[in-house]
Amino acid sequence: MPYRELIMIDIKEMLRRRAAGQSERRVARETGFDRKTVGRYFAAAEALSLSREREPTEEEVLAVAERVQARRVVDPSEEWKQVAAHRERVASWLALRRPLKLRKIHTLLERDHGVTASYDTLRRFAIEELGWRKRPTTVRLAETEPGEIAQVDFGLMGTLVDPTTGRARRLWALIVTLVYSRYQFVWPSFEQTTEAVCAGLDAAWWFFGAMARVLLPDNMSAMVQRADELGPTLVPAFLDYVQARGLFVDAARVRSPKDKARVENQVSYVRESWFDGETFMSLEDARAAAERWCREVAGARVHGTTCEVPREVFEAREKPVMKPPPSERFDVPHWAEAKVHPDHHVQVLKSLYSVPTRFVGSTVRVRADRATVKIYAGSELVKMYGRVAPGKRVTDPRDYPAGKDVAATRDIASLVASAKRCGAHVGIYAERLLGVPLPWTRMRLVYALLRLCKKFGDGRVEALCQSALAFDVVDVRRIERMLVEAKPPTVPSSRERKVVPLPVPRFARTTEHFATKSQVTCSKEEQR
């Protein structure tokens, strides 16, 4: 007869019949137990002084079971003792970053330490004493609140022919599962980029008609830049998305699929139920089919865990407490680091934008979306421009050093104004110099004229410009030669100012000879 292990309900039945006054033979006949087995349990009940007047309690049944089923602990064998003597050594070998194989450990113990125990004994010791290859215990997490968490993951579906290129491409599916109701959304995509993730999430919020508060994604490079179980770093463009949508991100740990089990175990279900065996004409066709499948198949089935219909749970208990969906599609920005070149410009997506002189040679952070370009130095917003097409340039003259902005921007008016500050005729002379169809080609002449003002003084250049304009001479080099060749008036020295008497001329006349005689007035009679 095969061995049969009695459980608590069997033992309780025997003791209940004992309290009813039945004999060992009758109990064995009516219950099917061996008569000797019934006798052992009756004897244990007598030894524990159990009353025959009432049915036993749970504690009394347990006491009888322990008394009968207790086994003497077998002393460890000699081989077991040999392995136990090297317990710490074996544990350290198994705890290495690359743990040693148990066969290798058995060889080392036998060769270097004289252990004669068999491999089976070593294996039983490692399992029972060191927990080798024992599956760790798990716990169930508390259920989340309605609308609190949405788990996100990418899953490979298969291949789909891209109608634009005619080539078969890998088709991925972004799966968004609401943890509370298990309602899910599937967004097929050829790429796993940040743009694809943001577009898929927005499509999910519009499909649900609501938005969750927390995202629990995988550590995909489109979302997480640096994985860390305590403080992961998000991709800047994706961080812009969650800030714009008011979401919080709690990324799963690396190689920990159980952190997002609600969406992880749905990848194969989506592949088998939605994609396998189907034919899609294009990516848009696949997306429309996936949306119908989410609503009519996955959302309308009775979920195996919750035993409820996900769409009904979502509509009744989850959607009313969720955030409203976004009103427009998110403009995914482009983040990059750019070097400020000596020409005061940075290159962003094949376009040039100017930066002030103090940032030349440094590296700045650039954020570009469809409308604007923002340039940051650390936390400081340095410049903000409107986005221009590739190959174009945006320059702010104020970014150049003082005096160089006029030449860089070909500002003729500012150059003439600088000449007029040196003198009215200098300004007119500058206007005459620039009075050609392409005035910016003669800006160097005006700069040369301004250098003459600085070197020889505004007054002298003003006078020469006035004279040159009178004779219609418009030539900067002529003005320069006149300034260089002109001799400034000399001041005589004290020795030169000394008066030297000259000898008296030989035929000189007296001073009276040169005196003017006064006319004498006479009467009319005397004149006659």
Protein backbone atom coordinates (compact mmCIF):
# COMPACT_ATOMS: atom_id res chain seq x y z
CA MET A 1 0.00 0.00 0.00
CA PRO A 2 1.50 3.37 -0.95
CA TYR A 3 2.44 5.84 1.75
CA ARG A 4 -0.24 8.42 2.50
CA GLU A 5 0.56 11.55 4.42
CA LEU A 6 -2.28 12.65 6.65
CA ILE A 7 -3.26 16.29 6.73
CA MET A 8 -4.93 18.23 9.50
CA ILE A 9 -8.49 17.53 8.36
CA ASP A 10 -7.80 13.76 8.31
CA ILE A 11 -6.39 13.82 11.84
CA LYS A 12 -9.31 15.93 13.04
CA GLU A 13 -11.75 13.40 11.56
CA MET A 14 -10.12 10.50 13.45
CA LEU A 15 -10.14 12.39 16.76
CA ARG A 16 -13.75 13.48 16.21
CA ARG A 17 -14.78 9.85 15.74
CA ARG A 18 -12.77 8.93 18.86
CA ALA A 19 -14.78 11.53 20.82
CA ALA A 20 -17.96 9.94 19.40
CA GLY A 21 -16.96 6.60 20.95
CA GLN A 22 -15.95 4.73 17.77
CA SER A 23 -13.29 2.04 18.01
CA GLU A 24 -9.99 1.98 16.13
CA ARG A 25 -11.23 -0.82 13.87
CA ARG A 26 -14.39 1.05 12.91
CA VAL A 27 -12.55 4.33 12.29
CA ALA A 28 -10.06 2.53 10.03
CA ARG A 29 -12.87 0.77 8.14
CA GLU A 30 -14.98 3.87 7.57
CA THR A 31 -12.18 6.34 6.81
CA GLY A 32 -9.93 4.04 4.82
CA PHE A 33 -6.89 4.66 7.00
CA ASP A 34 -4.61 1.87 8.17
CA ARG A 35 -5.59 0.47 11.53
CA LYS A 36 -2.05 0.87 12.90
CA THR A 37 -2.06 4.53 11.83
CA VAL A 38 -5.35 5.10 13.63
CA GLY A 39 -3.89 3.40 16.68
CA ARG A 40 -0.86 5.70 16.75
CA TYR A 41 -3.06 8.79 16.69
CA PHE A 42 -5.37 7.41 19.35
CA ALA A 43 -2.35 6.61 21.52
CA ALA A 44 -1.00 10.11 21.08
CA ALA A 45 -4.37 11.52 22.10
CA GLU A 46 -4.32 9.35 25.23
CA ALA A 47 -0.80 10.47 26.02
CA LEU A 48 -1.89 14.10 25.77
CA SER A 49 -4.94 13.35 27.96
CA LEU A 50 -7.48 14.49 25.40
CA SER A 51 -11.05 14.19 26.56
CA ARG A 52 -13.37 11.67 24.90
CA GLU A 53 -16.39 13.77 25.83
CA ARG A 54 -15.91 16.55 23.29
CA GLU A 55 -14.44 17.18 19.88
CA PRO A 56 -10.79 18.34 19.85
CA THR A 57 -9.82 21.94 19.20
CA GLU A 58 -7.42 23.08 16.47
CA GLU A 59 -4.58 23.37 18.99
CA GLU A 60 -5.19 19.85 20.26
CA VAL A 61 -5.27 18.42 16.72
CA LEU A 62 -1.96 20.19 15.99
CA ALA A 63 -0.41 18.80 19.17
CA VAL A 64 -1.42 15.24 18.23
CA ALA A 65 -0.09 15.67 14.69
CA GLU A 66 3.27 16.96 15.90
CA ARG A 67 3.58 14.10 18.40
CA VAL A 68 2.91 11.43 15.80
CA GLN A 69 4.65 12.97 12.77
CA ALA A 70 7.71 14.26 14.55
CA ARG A 71 10.90 12.68 13.19
CA ARG A 72 14.27 12.49 14.82
CA VAL A 73 16.79 14.81 13.25
CA VAL A 74 19.34 12.74 11.42
CA ASP A 75 22.94 13.54 12.26
CA PRO A 76 24.88 15.01 9.30
CA SER A 77 27.10 12.63 7.42
CA GLU A 78 30.89 12.83 7.35
CA GLU A 79 30.81 14.24 3.82
CA TRP A 80 28.37 16.93 4.89
CA LYS A 81 30.65 17.87 7.78
CA GLN A 82 33.63 18.13 5.41
CA VAL A 83 31.77 20.57 3.15
CA ALA A 84 30.39 22.51 6.13
CA ALA A 85 33.96 23.10 7.34
CA HIS A 86 34.54 25.19 4.18
CA ARG A 87 31.22 27.03 4.32
CA GLU A 88 32.65 30.57 4.10
CA ARG A 89 35.04 29.63 1.30
CA VAL A 90 32.24 28.13 -0.79
CA ALA A 91 29.98 31.12 -0.08
CA SER A 92 32.70 33.58 -1.22
CA TRP A 93 33.20 31.66 -4.48
CA LEU A 94 29.49 31.77 -5.18
CA ALA A 95 29.31 35.50 -4.36
CA LEU A 96 31.94 36.61 -6.88
CA ARG A 97 30.96 38.96 -9.68
CA ARG A 98 31.49 36.00 -11.95
CA PRO A 99 30.52 33.13 -9.62
CA LEU A 100 32.45 29.90 -9.95
CA LYS A 101 30.63 26.91 -11.30
CA LEU A 102 29.73 24.36 -8.65
CA ARG A 103 31.74 21.73 -10.54
CA LYS A 104 34.80 23.97 -10.33
CA ILE A 105 34.23 24.52 -6.59
CA HIS A 106 34.03 20.74 -6.10
CA THR A 107 37.32 20.34 -7.97
CA LEU A 108 39.06 23.04 -5.91
CA LEU A 109 37.85 21.57 -2.62
CA GLU A 110 39.00 18.11 -3.63
CA ARG A 111 42.37 19.18 -5.05
CA ASP A 112 43.47 21.95 -2.70
CA HIS A 113 41.72 21.11 0.56
CA GLY A 114 41.41 17.34 0.58
CA VAL A 115 37.61 17.21 0.66
CA THR A 116 36.34 13.78 -0.37
CA ALA A 117 32.61 14.63 -0.39
CA SER A 118 30.66 13.88 -3.54
CA TYR A 119 29.35 16.53 -5.89
CA ASP A 120 25.75 15.69 -4.90
CA THR A 121 26.53 16.40 -1.26
CA LEU A 122 28.13 19.75 -2.20
CA ARG A 123 25.10 20.62 -4.32
CA ARG A 124 22.60 19.80 -1.53
CA PHE A 125 24.71 21.83 0.92
CA ALA A 126 24.79 24.85 -1.45
CA ILE A 127 21.03 24.72 -1.95
CA GLU A 128 19.97 24.12 1.66
CA GLU A 129 22.57 26.14 3.54
CA LEU A 130 23.60 28.88 1.10
CA GLY A 131 20.39 29.32 -0.90
CA TRP A 132 22.15 28.60 -4.18
CA ARG A 133 19.79 28.97 -7.16
CA LYS A 134 16.78 29.38 -4.91
CA ARG A 135 14.13 31.62 -6.36
CA PRO A 136 13.76 34.73 -4.21
CA THR A 137 10.47 35.39 -2.58
CA THR A 138 8.28 38.17 -3.89
CA VAL A 139 5.58 40.45 -2.54
CA ARG A 140 2.54 41.96 -4.17
CA LEU A 141 2.45 45.72 -4.38
CA ALA A 142 -0.56 47.65 -3.21
CA GLU A 143 -3.07 48.56 -5.89
CA THR A 144 -2.72 52.04 -7.33
CA GLU A 145 -5.35 54.73 -7.24
CA PRO A 146 -7.57 55.21 -10.33
CA GLY A 147 -5.85 57.28 -13.02
CA GLU A 148 -2.59 57.42 -11.12
CA ILE A 149 -0.06 55.38 -13.16
CA ALA A 150 0.31 54.50 -16.83
CA GLN A 151 3.04 51.98 -17.70
CA VAL A 152 4.80 52.41 -21.05
CA ASP A 153 6.91 50.02 -23.11
CA PHE A 154 7.98 49.29 -26.69
CA GLY A 155 7.45 45.82 -28.14
CA LEU A 156 8.62 44.36 -31.45
CA MET A 157 5.66 43.17 -33.50
CA GLY A 158 7.32 42.00 -36.73
CA THR A 159 7.91 43.59 -40.14
CA LEU A 160 5.78 45.86 -42.29
CA VAL A 161 6.42 47.10 -45.84
CA ASP A 162 6.99 50.84 -45.88
CA PRO A 163 5.03 52.16 -48.90
CA THR A 164 7.35 55.16 -49.27
CA THR A 165 10.47 53.03 -49.80
CA GLY A 166 9.00 49.64 -50.69
CA ARG A 167 11.22 47.94 -48.10
CA ALA A 168 10.20 45.77 -45.18
CA ARG A 169 10.92 47.52 -41.90
CA ARG A 170 10.67 46.51 -38.27
CA LEU A 171 7.36 47.51 -36.75
CA TRP A 172 7.40 48.51 -33.09
CA ALA A 173 4.40 49.15 -30.90
CA LEU A 174 4.31 51.67 -28.08
CA ILE A 175 1.98 50.13 -25.48
CA VAL A 176 0.40 52.35 -22.82
CA THR A 177 -1.46 50.46 -20.08
CA LEU A 178 -3.46 52.11 -17.30
CA VAL A 179 -2.55 50.13 -14.19
CA TYR A 180 -5.87 50.43 -12.38
CA SER A 181 -8.33 49.46 -15.12
CA ARG A 182 -5.88 47.55 -17.42
CA TYR A 183 -7.27 49.58 -20.34
CA GLN A 184 -4.50 49.92 -22.94
CA PHE A 185 -3.53 51.73 -26.13
CA VAL A 186 -1.22 50.55 -28.92
CA TRP A 187 0.68 52.94 -31.21
CA PRO A 188 2.61 51.27 -34.10
CA SER A 189 5.81 53.00 -35.22
CA PHE A 190 8.87 52.33 -37.35
CA GLU A 191 11.11 54.21 -34.90
CA GLN A 192 11.86 54.34 -31.18
CA THR A 193 12.83 58.00 -31.04
CA THR A 194 11.76 60.70 -28.61
CA GLU A 195 9.51 62.14 -31.31
CA ALA A 196 7.80 58.76 -31.74
CA VAL A 197 7.31 58.40 -27.97
CA CYS A 198 5.81 61.88 -27.58
CA ALA A 199 3.51 61.36 -30.58
CA GLY A 200 2.40 57.97 -29.23
CA LEU A 201 1.71 59.33 -25.74
CA ASP A 202 -0.35 62.21 -27.12
CA ALA A 203 -2.30 59.73 -29.26
CA ALA A 204 -2.91 57.63 -26.13
CA TRP A 205 -4.27 60.59 -24.14
CA TRP A 206 -6.62 61.48 -26.99
CA PHE A 207 -7.74 57.85 -27.26
CA PHE A 208 -8.49 57.66 -23.53
CA GLY A 209 -9.93 61.16 -23.46
CA ALA A 210 -7.94 61.66 -20.26
CA MET A 211 -4.35 61.72 -19.02
CA ALA A 212 -2.62 59.88 -16.17
CA ARG A 213 -0.55 61.61 -13.50
CA VAL A 214 2.54 59.37 -13.45
CA LEU A 215 4.40 57.57 -16.24
CA LEU A 216 6.31 54.37 -15.50
CA PRO A 217 8.44 53.70 -18.61
CA ASP A 218 11.22 51.31 -19.44
CA ASN A 219 14.81 52.65 -19.54
CA MET A 220 14.63 53.20 -23.30
CA SER A 221 17.12 55.72 -24.68
CA ALA A 222 14.31 57.81 -26.17
CA MET A 223 13.16 58.70 -22.63
CA VAL A 224 16.01 58.04 -20.18
CA GLN A 225 19.45 59.48 -20.85
CA ARG A 226 21.18 57.90 -17.83
CA ALA A 227 19.59 55.00 -15.97
CA ASP A 228 19.78 55.12 -12.18
CA GLU A 229 17.43 53.39 -9.78
CA LEU A 230 17.60 56.36 -7.39
CA GLY A 231 17.72 59.34 -9.75
CA PRO A 232 17.52 58.64 -13.50
CA THR A 233 18.31 61.45 -15.93
CA LEU A 234 15.68 62.02 -18.60
CA VAL A 235 16.35 63.03 -22.19
CA PRO A 236 16.01 66.85 -22.33
CA ALA A 237 13.40 66.76 -25.09
CA PHE A 238 11.32 64.19 -23.17
CA LEU A 239 11.73 66.23 -19.98
CA ASP A 240 10.25 69.17 -21.90
CA TYR A 241 7.30 66.94 -22.80
CA VAL A 242 6.50 65.80 -19.25
CA GLN A 243 6.86 69.37 -17.98
CA ALA A 244 4.50 70.65 -20.66
CA ARG A 245 1.95 67.92 -19.88
CA GLY A 246 2.33 68.16 -16.08
CA LEU A 247 3.42 64.52 -15.72
CA PHE A 248 5.82 62.82 -13.33
CA VAL A 249 8.14 60.00 -14.41
CA ASP A 250 9.13 57.01 -12.27
CA ALA A 251 11.41 54.99 -14.57
CA ALA A 252 11.76 51.24 -14.00
CA ARG A 253 15.07 49.80 -12.86
CA VAL A 254 17.46 48.30 -15.39
CA ARG A 255 16.66 44.65 -16.24
CA SER A 256 13.68 44.66 -13.86
CA PRO A 257 10.62 43.79 -15.95
CA LYS A 258 8.53 43.22 -12.84
CA ASP A 259 8.68 46.97 -12.14
CA LYS A 260 6.29 47.42 -15.09
CA ALA A 261 4.62 44.03 -15.13
CA ARG A 262 1.20 45.42 -16.19
CA VAL A 263 2.58 46.42 -19.60
CA GLU A 264 5.44 43.91 -19.87
CA ASN A 265 3.15 40.90 -19.99
CA GLN A 266 0.95 42.57 -22.62
CA VAL A 267 3.59 42.67 -25.37
CA SER A 268 3.09 39.05 -26.39
CA TYR A 269 -0.71 39.42 -26.09
CA VAL A 270 -0.70 42.44 -28.42
CA ARG A 271 1.53 40.65 -30.91
CA GLU A 272 -0.53 37.45 -30.97
CA SER A 273 -4.00 38.97 -30.79
CA TRP A 274 -3.59 42.09 -32.93
CA PHE A 275 -0.61 41.75 -35.30
CA ASP A 276 -0.08 38.08 -36.14
CA GLY A 277 -1.83 36.97 -39.31
CA GLU A 278 -3.01 40.46 -40.24
CA THR A 279 -2.14 42.43 -43.40
CA PHE A 280 -1.70 46.20 -43.23
CA MET A 281 -1.29 48.41 -46.27
CA SER A 282 0.58 51.19 -44.49
CA LEU A 283 1.58 52.51 -41.11
CA GLU A 284 -1.57 54.62 -40.91
CA ASP A 285 -3.66 51.55 -41.65
CA ALA A 286 -1.90 49.67 -38.85
CA ARG A 287 -2.54 52.52 -36.41
CA ALA A 288 -6.25 52.64 -37.26
CA ALA A 289 -6.52 48.85 -36.84
CA ALA A 290 -4.66 48.99 -33.51
CA GLU A 291 -7.06 51.63 -32.19
CA ARG A 292 -10.09 49.53 -33.13
CA TRP A 293 -8.52 46.46 -31.55
CA CYS A 294 -7.83 48.34 -28.30
CA ARG A 295 -11.42 49.50 -28.05
CA GLU A 296 -13.33 46.47 -29.32
CA VAL A 297 -11.13 43.50 -28.36
CA ALA A 298 -8.63 44.25 -25.62
CA GLY A 299 -10.86 46.78 -23.90
CA ALA A 300 -14.04 44.70 -24.16
CA ARG A 301 -12.69 41.36 -22.87
CA VAL A 302 -12.97 40.14 -19.29
CA HIS A 303 -9.50 40.59 -17.84
CA GLY A 304 -8.03 37.41 -16.40
CA THR A 305 -6.68 39.08 -13.24
CA THR A 306 -9.34 41.64 -12.35
CA CYS A 307 -12.24 39.60 -13.78
CA GLU A 308 -13.70 42.88 -15.04
CA VAL A 309 -14.02 44.56 -18.45
CA PRO A 310 -11.20 47.14 -18.70
CA ARG A 311 -13.15 49.69 -20.76
CA GLU A 312 -16.12 49.59 -18.39
CA VAL A 313 -13.88 50.03 -15.34
CA PHE A 314 -12.09 52.89 -17.04
CA GLU A 315 -15.27 54.72 -18.02
CA ALA A 316 -16.95 54.25 -14.65
CA ARG A 317 -14.19 54.67 -12.05
CA GLU A 318 -10.98 55.89 -13.65
CA LYS A 319 -11.68 58.48 -16.31
CA PRO A 320 -13.64 60.87 -14.01
CA VAL A 321 -10.57 61.37 -11.76
CA MET A 322 -7.95 61.70 -14.51
CA LYS A 323 -6.49 64.88 -15.97
CA PRO A 324 -7.94 66.27 -19.22
CA PRO A 325 -6.06 65.38 -22.43
CA PRO A 326 -3.82 67.94 -24.20
CA SER A 327 -5.45 70.26 -26.71
CA GLU A 328 -2.64 70.24 -29.30
CA ARG A 329 0.26 68.08 -30.39
CA PHE A 330 3.55 68.64 -28.58
CA ASP A 331 6.32 70.33 -30.54
CA VAL A 332 9.29 68.09 -29.71
CA PRO A 333 12.38 70.33 -29.33
CA HIS A 334 15.91 69.61 -30.46
CA TRP A 335 18.53 69.91 -27.68
CA ALA A 336 22.23 70.05 -28.49
CA GLU A 337 25.55 71.49 -27.40
CA ALA A 338 27.17 74.00 -29.77
CA LYS A 339 30.56 75.71 -29.87
CA VAL A 340 30.57 79.50 -30.20
CA HIS A 341 32.93 80.18 -33.11
CA PRO A 342 35.20 83.26 -33.45
CA ASP A 343 32.66 84.82 -35.81
CA HIS A 344 30.23 85.07 -32.83
CA HIS A 345 27.85 82.44 -34.26
CA VAL A 346 26.70 78.94 -33.32
CA GLN A 347 25.39 76.39 -35.77
CA VAL A 348 22.00 74.88 -34.97
CA LEU A 349 20.39 72.44 -37.42
CA LYS A 350 22.43 73.91 -40.33
CA SER A 351 21.53 77.52 -39.45
CA LEU A 352 23.65 80.22 -37.81
CA TYR A 353 22.69 82.38 -34.81
CA SER A 354 24.85 85.10 -33.22
CA VAL A 355 26.00 85.15 -29.59
CA PRO A 356 27.67 88.00 -27.60
CA THR A 357 31.45 88.31 -27.60
CA ARG A 358 31.93 87.11 -24.02
CA PHE A 359 30.77 83.62 -25.02
CA VAL A 360 33.17 83.20 -27.95
CA GLY A 361 35.11 79.94 -27.57
CA SER A 362 32.72 78.45 -25.00
CA THR A 363 30.14 75.68 -25.37
CA VAL A 364 26.47 76.55 -24.95
CA ARG A 365 23.25 74.54 -24.81
CA VAL A 366 20.75 75.08 -27.62
CA ARG A 367 17.02 74.32 -27.69
CA ALA A 368 15.29 74.53 -31.06
CA ASP A 369 11.64 73.84 -31.86
CA ARG A 370 9.54 74.69 -34.90
CA ALA A 371 9.22 78.37 -33.98
CA THR A 372 12.09 79.46 -31.71
CA VAL A 373 15.74 78.86 -30.92
CA LYS A 374 16.97 79.43 -27.36
CA ILE A 375 20.66 79.54 -26.41
CA TYR A 376 21.68 78.84 -22.79
CA ALA A 377 24.98 79.27 -20.99
CA GLY A 378 24.50 77.21 -17.85
CA SER A 379 21.16 78.36 -16.47
CA GLU A 380 21.31 81.77 -18.20
CA LEU A 381 19.19 82.38 -21.28
CA VAL A 382 21.70 84.16 -23.54
CA LYS A 383 19.70 84.71 -26.73
CA MET A 384 16.35 83.78 -28.23
CA TYR A 385 15.61 83.93 -31.96
CA GLY A 386 12.89 82.95 -34.36
CA ARG A 387 13.71 79.74 -36.22
CA VAL A 388 15.12 80.21 -39.73
CA ALA A 389 15.50 77.75 -42.58
CA PRO A 390 18.68 75.68 -42.98
CA GLY A 391 21.46 77.67 -44.62
CA LYS A 392 20.16 81.01 -43.32
CA ARG A 393 21.70 83.26 -40.66
CA VAL A 394 20.39 85.52 -37.90
CA THR A 395 22.78 88.18 -36.57
CA ASP A 396 22.22 90.69 -33.78
CA PRO A 397 24.63 93.65 -34.30
CA ARG A 398 24.71 94.24 -30.56
CA ASP A 399 26.59 90.96 -30.15
CA TYR A 400 29.66 92.37 -31.94
CA PRO A 401 32.37 94.45 -30.19
CA ALA A 402 31.88 98.22 -30.22
CA GLY A 403 32.91 99.72 -33.57
CA LYS A 404 32.76 96.48 -35.54
CA ASP A 405 29.05 96.20 -35.82
CA VAL A 406 28.81 98.94 -38.46
CA ALA A 407 31.19 97.21 -40.86
CA ALA A 408 29.65 93.80 -40.19
CA THR A 409 26.15 95.01 -40.95
CA ARG A 410 27.16 97.55 -43.66
CA ASP A 411 25.35 100.30 -41.79
CA ILE A 412 25.98 103.31 -44.05
CA ALA A 413 23.81 105.68 -42.00
CA SER A 414 25.75 105.04 -38.80
CA LEU A 415 29.03 105.57 -40.61
CA VAL A 416 27.91 108.95 -42.01
CA ALA A 417 26.67 109.96 -38.56
CA SER A 418 30.12 109.23 -37.11
CA ALA A 419 31.70 111.45 -39.80
CA LYS A 420 29.27 114.31 -39.06
CA ARG A 421 30.27 114.25 -35.41
CA CYS A 422 33.80 115.15 -36.56
CA GLY A 423 32.58 118.17 -38.54
CA ALA A 424 29.85 119.29 -40.89
CA HIS A 425 32.07 119.31 -43.94
CA VAL A 426 33.61 115.98 -42.94
CA GLY A 427 30.10 114.55 -42.96
CA ILE A 428 29.37 116.04 -46.37
CA TYR A 429 32.68 114.67 -47.64
CA ALA A 430 31.74 111.20 -46.37
CA GLU A 431 28.36 111.42 -48.13
CA ARG A 432 30.14 112.35 -51.37
CA LEU A 433 32.45 109.34 -50.95
CA LEU A 434 29.50 107.00 -50.46
CA GLY A 435 27.37 108.48 -53.22
CA VAL A 436 27.74 105.48 -55.57
CA PRO A 437 25.33 102.63 -56.52
CA LEU A 438 27.04 100.24 -54.08
CA PRO A 439 28.00 102.46 -51.16
CA TRP A 440 29.21 99.61 -48.95
CA THR A 441 32.10 99.04 -51.41
CA ARG A 442 33.56 102.47 -50.38
CA MET A 443 33.16 102.19 -46.63
CA ARG A 444 36.93 101.76 -46.26
CA LEU A 445 37.44 105.32 -47.63
CA VAL A 446 35.20 106.75 -44.92
CA TYR A 447 37.01 104.74 -42.26
CA ALA A 448 40.31 106.17 -43.59
CA LEU A 449 38.83 109.71 -43.35
CA LEU A 450 37.80 109.07 -39.73
CA ARG A 451 41.32 107.84 -38.92
CA LEU A 452 42.71 111.12 -40.28
CA CYS A 453 40.39 113.02 -37.92
CA LYS A 454 41.68 110.99 -35.03
CA LYS A 455 45.33 111.48 -36.05
CA PHE A 456 45.44 115.15 -37.13
CA GLY A 457 42.44 116.56 -35.30
CA ASP A 458 38.90 117.31 -36.36
CA GLY A 459 39.56 121.00 -37.05
CA ARG A 460 42.34 120.58 -39.61
CA VAL A 461 40.46 117.82 -41.46
CA GLU A 462 37.28 119.91 -41.38
CA ALA A 463 39.11 122.86 -42.97
CA LEU A 464 40.69 120.75 -45.70
CA CYS A 465 37.37 119.03 -46.46
CA GLN A 466 35.74 122.45 -46.82
CA SER A 467 38.45 123.58 -49.25
CA ALA A 468 38.38 120.31 -51.19
CA LEU A 469 34.61 120.47 -51.57
CA ALA A 470 34.93 124.04 -52.90
CA PHE A 471 37.19 122.76 -55.70
CA ASP A 472 35.15 119.47 -56.08
CA VAL A 473 38.10 117.33 -55.06
CA VAL A 474 36.75 114.11 -53.47
CA ASP A 475 39.89 112.13 -52.77
CA VAL A 476 40.88 110.86 -49.34
CA ARG A 477 44.51 110.28 -50.35
CA ARG A 478 44.77 113.92 -51.48
CA ILE A 479 43.46 115.03 -48.09
CA GLU A 480 46.02 112.79 -46.40
CA ARG A 481 48.94 114.18 -48.46
CA MET A 482 47.89 117.76 -47.75
CA LEU A 483 47.78 117.01 -44.02
CA VAL A 484 51.17 115.31 -44.06
CA GLU A 485 52.95 117.94 -46.21
CA ALA A 486 51.48 121.03 -44.54
CA LYS A 487 54.03 122.85 -42.27
CA PRO A 488 52.56 123.95 -39.04
CA PRO A 489 53.26 127.67 -38.10
CA THR A 490 56.52 128.01 -36.19
CA VAL A 491 56.90 130.13 -33.05
CA PRO A 492 60.21 132.16 -32.98
CA SER A 493 62.49 131.55 -30.10
CA SER A 494 63.61 134.22 -27.65
CA ARG A 495 66.92 134.63 -29.47
CA GLU A 496 65.12 135.23 -32.77
CA ARG A 497 62.82 137.80 -31.13
CA LYS A 498 65.90 140.11 -30.17
CA VAL A 499 65.83 143.57 -31.94
CA VAL A 500 69.01 144.33 -33.96
CA PRO A 501 69.52 148.05 -34.93
CA LEU A 502 70.06 148.67 -38.64
CA PRO A 503 72.52 151.31 -40.01
CA VAL A 504 71.03 154.67 -41.14
CA PRO A 505 70.49 154.78 -44.90
CA ARG A 506 72.91 157.08 -46.83
CA PHE A 507 70.29 159.29 -48.49
CA ALA A 508 67.72 159.10 -45.75
CA ARG A 509 65.49 162.11 -45.15
CA THR A 510 64.40 163.48 -41.87
CA THR A 511 61.09 162.71 -40.38
CA GLU A 512 59.86 166.26 -40.87
CA HIS A 513 60.03 165.71 -44.58
CA PHE A 514 57.34 163.10 -44.38
CA ALA A 515 55.06 165.01 -42.02
CA THR A 516 51.69 166.16 -43.37
CA LYS A 517 51.20 169.96 -43.35
CA SER A 518 47.92 171.23 -41.92
CA GLN A 519 45.74 173.46 -44.18
CA VAL A 520 45.11 177.04 -42.99
CA THR A 521 41.56 178.33 -43.24
CA CYS A 522 41.26 181.87 -44.81
CA SER A 523 38.44 184.17 -45.65
CA LYS A 524 36.80 184.55 -49.03
CA GLU A 525 38.20 188.06 -49.49
CA GLU A 526 41.73 186.77 -48.98
CA GLN A 527 41.14 184.01 -51.49
CA ARG A 528 40.20 186.57 -54.07
